[in-house]
Amino acid sequence: MSERAVPFHCPYCGEEDLRPSEASHAAWACGACLRVFTVKLVGLAVGGSTASGAGAGTAGGGTSA
């Protein structure tokens, strides 16, 4: 997908006054609260579990036998 996904509202204040920002390729600027943010798709949930939770046992922080 070469086009950027368009967010419908600011995740911080909820306003819809969003414009593409020059700060980064996927950055959006909110005209109401003046924050600049990015939106990134991490992955898809398959079978009710998240992709990041699939390998949680081997992600470190645990003890090994």
N, C-alpha and C. Protein backbone atom coordinates (compact mmCIF):
# COMPACT_ATOMS: atom_id res chain seq x y z
N MET A 1 0.85 -1.17 0.00
CA MET A 1 0.00 0.00 0.00
C MET A 1 0.90 1.23 0.00
N SER A 2 0.81 2.03 -0.99
CA SER A 2 1.70 3.17 -1.11
C SER A 2 1.11 4.46 -0.55
N GLU A 3 -0.20 4.53 -0.41
CA GLU A 3 -0.82 5.74 0.12
C GLU A 3 -0.91 5.66 1.64
N ARG A 4 -0.82 6.81 2.30
CA ARG A 4 -0.93 6.80 3.75
C ARG A 4 -2.40 6.68 4.16
N ALA A 5 -2.63 5.98 5.25
CA ALA A 5 -3.97 5.85 5.79
C ALA A 5 -4.35 7.15 6.47
N VAL A 6 -5.58 7.57 6.29
CA VAL A 6 -6.04 8.85 6.83
C VAL A 6 -6.78 8.61 8.15
N PRO A 7 -6.26 9.15 9.26
CA PRO A 7 -6.99 9.03 10.52
C PRO A 7 -8.21 9.95 10.51
N PHE A 8 -9.26 9.56 11.20
CA PHE A 8 -10.50 10.34 11.21
C PHE A 8 -10.51 11.41 12.29
N HIS A 9 -9.74 11.21 13.37
CA HIS A 9 -9.70 12.18 14.46
C HIS A 9 -8.37 12.09 15.19
N CYS A 10 -8.03 13.13 15.92
CA CYS A 10 -6.80 13.18 16.71
C CYS A 10 -6.94 12.22 17.89
N PRO A 11 -5.95 11.35 18.13
CA PRO A 11 -6.05 10.43 19.27
C PRO A 11 -5.90 11.12 20.62
N TYR A 12 -5.48 12.37 20.63
CA TYR A 12 -5.27 13.10 21.89
C TYR A 12 -6.46 13.96 22.28
N CYS A 13 -7.02 14.72 21.33
CA CYS A 13 -8.11 15.63 21.67
C CYS A 13 -9.44 15.27 20.99
N GLY A 14 -9.41 14.40 19.99
CA GLY A 14 -10.63 13.96 19.33
C GLY A 14 -11.10 14.85 18.18
N GLU A 15 -10.42 15.95 17.93
CA GLU A 15 -10.82 16.85 16.85
C GLU A 15 -10.53 16.22 15.48
N GLU A 16 -11.21 16.71 14.47
CA GLU A 16 -11.07 16.18 13.11
C GLU A 16 -10.26 17.10 12.20
N ASP A 17 -9.64 18.13 12.74
CA ASP A 17 -8.85 19.09 11.96
C ASP A 17 -7.42 18.57 11.80
N LEU A 18 -7.23 17.58 10.93
CA LEU A 18 -5.93 16.94 10.73
C LEU A 18 -5.39 17.25 9.34
N ARG A 19 -4.08 17.44 9.29
CA ARG A 19 -3.38 17.70 8.02
C ARG A 19 -2.11 16.89 7.99
N PRO A 20 -1.65 16.46 6.81
CA PRO A 20 -0.36 15.78 6.73
C PRO A 20 0.74 16.71 7.24
N SER A 21 1.69 16.15 7.99
CA SER A 21 2.78 16.93 8.55
C SER A 21 4.07 16.65 7.78
N GLU A 22 4.94 17.63 7.77
CA GLU A 22 6.24 17.47 7.11
C GLU A 22 7.26 16.81 8.03
N ALA A 23 6.90 16.54 9.28
CA ALA A 23 7.85 15.98 10.25
C ALA A 23 8.33 14.59 9.86
N SER A 24 7.47 13.81 9.25
CA SER A 24 7.81 12.44 8.89
C SER A 24 6.87 11.99 7.77
N HIS A 25 7.16 10.86 7.15
CA HIS A 25 6.35 10.36 6.04
C HIS A 25 4.91 10.09 6.46
N ALA A 26 4.71 9.52 7.64
CA ALA A 26 3.37 9.13 8.08
C ALA A 26 2.86 10.01 9.21
N ALA A 27 3.35 11.23 9.34
CA ALA A 27 2.96 12.09 10.45
C ALA A 27 1.74 12.94 10.08
N TRP A 28 0.92 13.20 11.09
CA TRP A 28 -0.27 14.03 10.95
C TRP A 28 -0.23 15.13 12.00
N ALA A 29 -0.63 16.32 11.65
CA ALA A 29 -0.67 17.46 12.56
C ALA A 29 -2.12 17.80 12.88
N CYS A 30 -2.40 17.97 14.17
CA CYS A 30 -3.74 18.36 14.61
C CYS A 30 -3.78 19.88 14.73
N GLY A 31 -4.73 20.51 14.08
CA GLY A 31 -4.86 21.96 14.13
C GLY A 31 -5.44 22.46 15.44
N ALA A 32 -6.10 21.59 16.20
CA ALA A 32 -6.72 22.01 17.46
C ALA A 32 -5.73 21.99 18.63
N CYS A 33 -5.03 20.87 18.83
CA CYS A 33 -4.13 20.76 19.98
C CYS A 33 -2.65 20.92 19.59
N LEU A 34 -2.39 21.07 18.28
CA LEU A 34 -1.06 21.32 17.74
C LEU A 34 -0.08 20.17 17.94
N ARG A 35 -0.59 18.98 18.20
CA ARG A 35 0.27 17.80 18.33
C ARG A 35 0.53 17.21 16.95
N VAL A 36 1.68 16.58 16.80
CA VAL A 36 2.02 15.85 15.58
C VAL A 36 2.18 14.39 15.98
N PHE A 37 1.51 13.48 15.28
CA PHE A 37 1.54 12.07 15.64
C PHE A 37 1.61 11.21 14.38
N THR A 38 1.96 9.95 14.57
CA THR A 38 1.97 8.99 13.48
C THR A 38 1.03 7.84 13.81
N VAL A 39 0.55 7.17 12.79
CA VAL A 39 -0.29 6.00 12.94
C VAL A 39 0.43 4.85 12.25
N LYS A 40 0.60 3.75 12.96
CA LYS A 40 1.32 2.60 12.40
C LYS A 40 0.53 1.33 12.64
N LEU A 41 0.34 0.54 11.60
CA LEU A 41 -0.29 -0.76 11.72
C LEU A 41 0.75 -1.74 12.22
N VAL A 42 0.48 -2.39 13.34
CA VAL A 42 1.42 -3.34 13.92
C VAL A 42 1.20 -4.72 13.32
N GLY A 43 -0.04 -5.13 13.13
CA GLY A 43 -0.34 -6.45 12.58
C GLY A 43 -1.82 -6.74 12.69
N LEU A 44 -2.17 -7.95 12.36
CA LEU A 44 -3.55 -8.40 12.42
C LEU A 44 -3.70 -9.45 13.51
N ALA A 45 -4.81 -9.41 14.21
CA ALA A 45 -5.11 -10.42 15.20
C ALA A 45 -5.70 -11.63 14.48
N VAL A 46 -5.16 -12.81 14.79
CA VAL A 46 -5.62 -14.03 14.15
C VAL A 46 -6.17 -14.96 15.23
N GLY A 47 -7.39 -15.40 15.06
CA GLY A 47 -7.97 -16.34 16.01
C GLY A 47 -8.17 -15.79 17.40
N GLY A 48 -8.35 -14.49 17.53
CA GLY A 48 -8.62 -13.89 18.82
C GLY A 48 -7.38 -13.53 19.62
N SER A 49 -6.19 -13.85 19.11
CA SER A 49 -4.97 -13.46 19.81
C SER A 49 -4.20 -12.49 18.95
N THR A 50 -3.40 -11.65 19.59
CA THR A 50 -2.61 -10.68 18.85
C THR A 50 -1.32 -11.33 18.37
N ALA A 51 -0.75 -10.79 17.31
CA ALA A 51 0.48 -11.33 16.77
C ALA A 51 1.63 -11.17 17.75
N SER A 52 1.64 -10.09 18.54
CA SER A 52 2.73 -9.88 19.50
C SER A 52 2.61 -10.81 20.69
N GLY A 53 1.41 -11.30 20.99
CA GLY A 53 1.22 -12.20 22.12
C GLY A 53 1.55 -13.64 21.80
N ALA A 54 1.74 -13.97 20.52
CA ALA A 54 1.99 -15.35 20.13
C ALA A 54 3.30 -15.88 20.67
N GLY A 55 4.33 -15.07 20.73
CA GLY A 55 5.62 -15.52 21.22
C GLY A 55 5.98 -14.91 22.56
N ALA A 56 4.99 -14.60 23.38
CA ALA A 56 5.25 -13.90 24.63
C ALA A 56 6.12 -14.69 25.59
N GLY A 57 6.07 -16.01 25.52
CA GLY A 57 6.87 -16.83 26.41
C GLY A 57 8.35 -16.77 26.09
N THR A 58 8.72 -16.40 24.89
CA THR A 58 10.11 -16.38 24.49
C THR A 58 10.64 -14.97 24.29
N ALA A 59 9.87 -13.98 24.69
CA ALA A 59 10.25 -12.59 24.42
C ALA A 59 11.20 -12.01 25.46
N GLY A 60 11.69 -12.81 26.38
CA GLY A 60 12.59 -12.28 27.39
C GLY A 60 11.82 -11.91 28.64
N GLY A 61 12.55 -11.69 29.70
CA GLY A 61 11.90 -11.34 30.96
C GLY A 61 11.47 -12.56 31.74
N GLY A 62 11.42 -13.72 31.11
CA GLY A 62 11.05 -14.95 31.79
C GLY A 62 12.30 -15.72 32.18
N THR A 63 12.11 -16.78 32.93
CA THR A 63 13.24 -17.61 33.32
C THR A 63 13.32 -18.82 32.42
N SER A 64 14.51 -19.30 32.20
CA SER A 64 14.67 -20.50 31.37
C SER A 64 15.00 -21.68 32.25
N ALA A 65 14.59 -22.87 31.82
CA ALA A 65 14.79 -24.08 32.62
C ALA A 65 16.16 -24.65 32.47
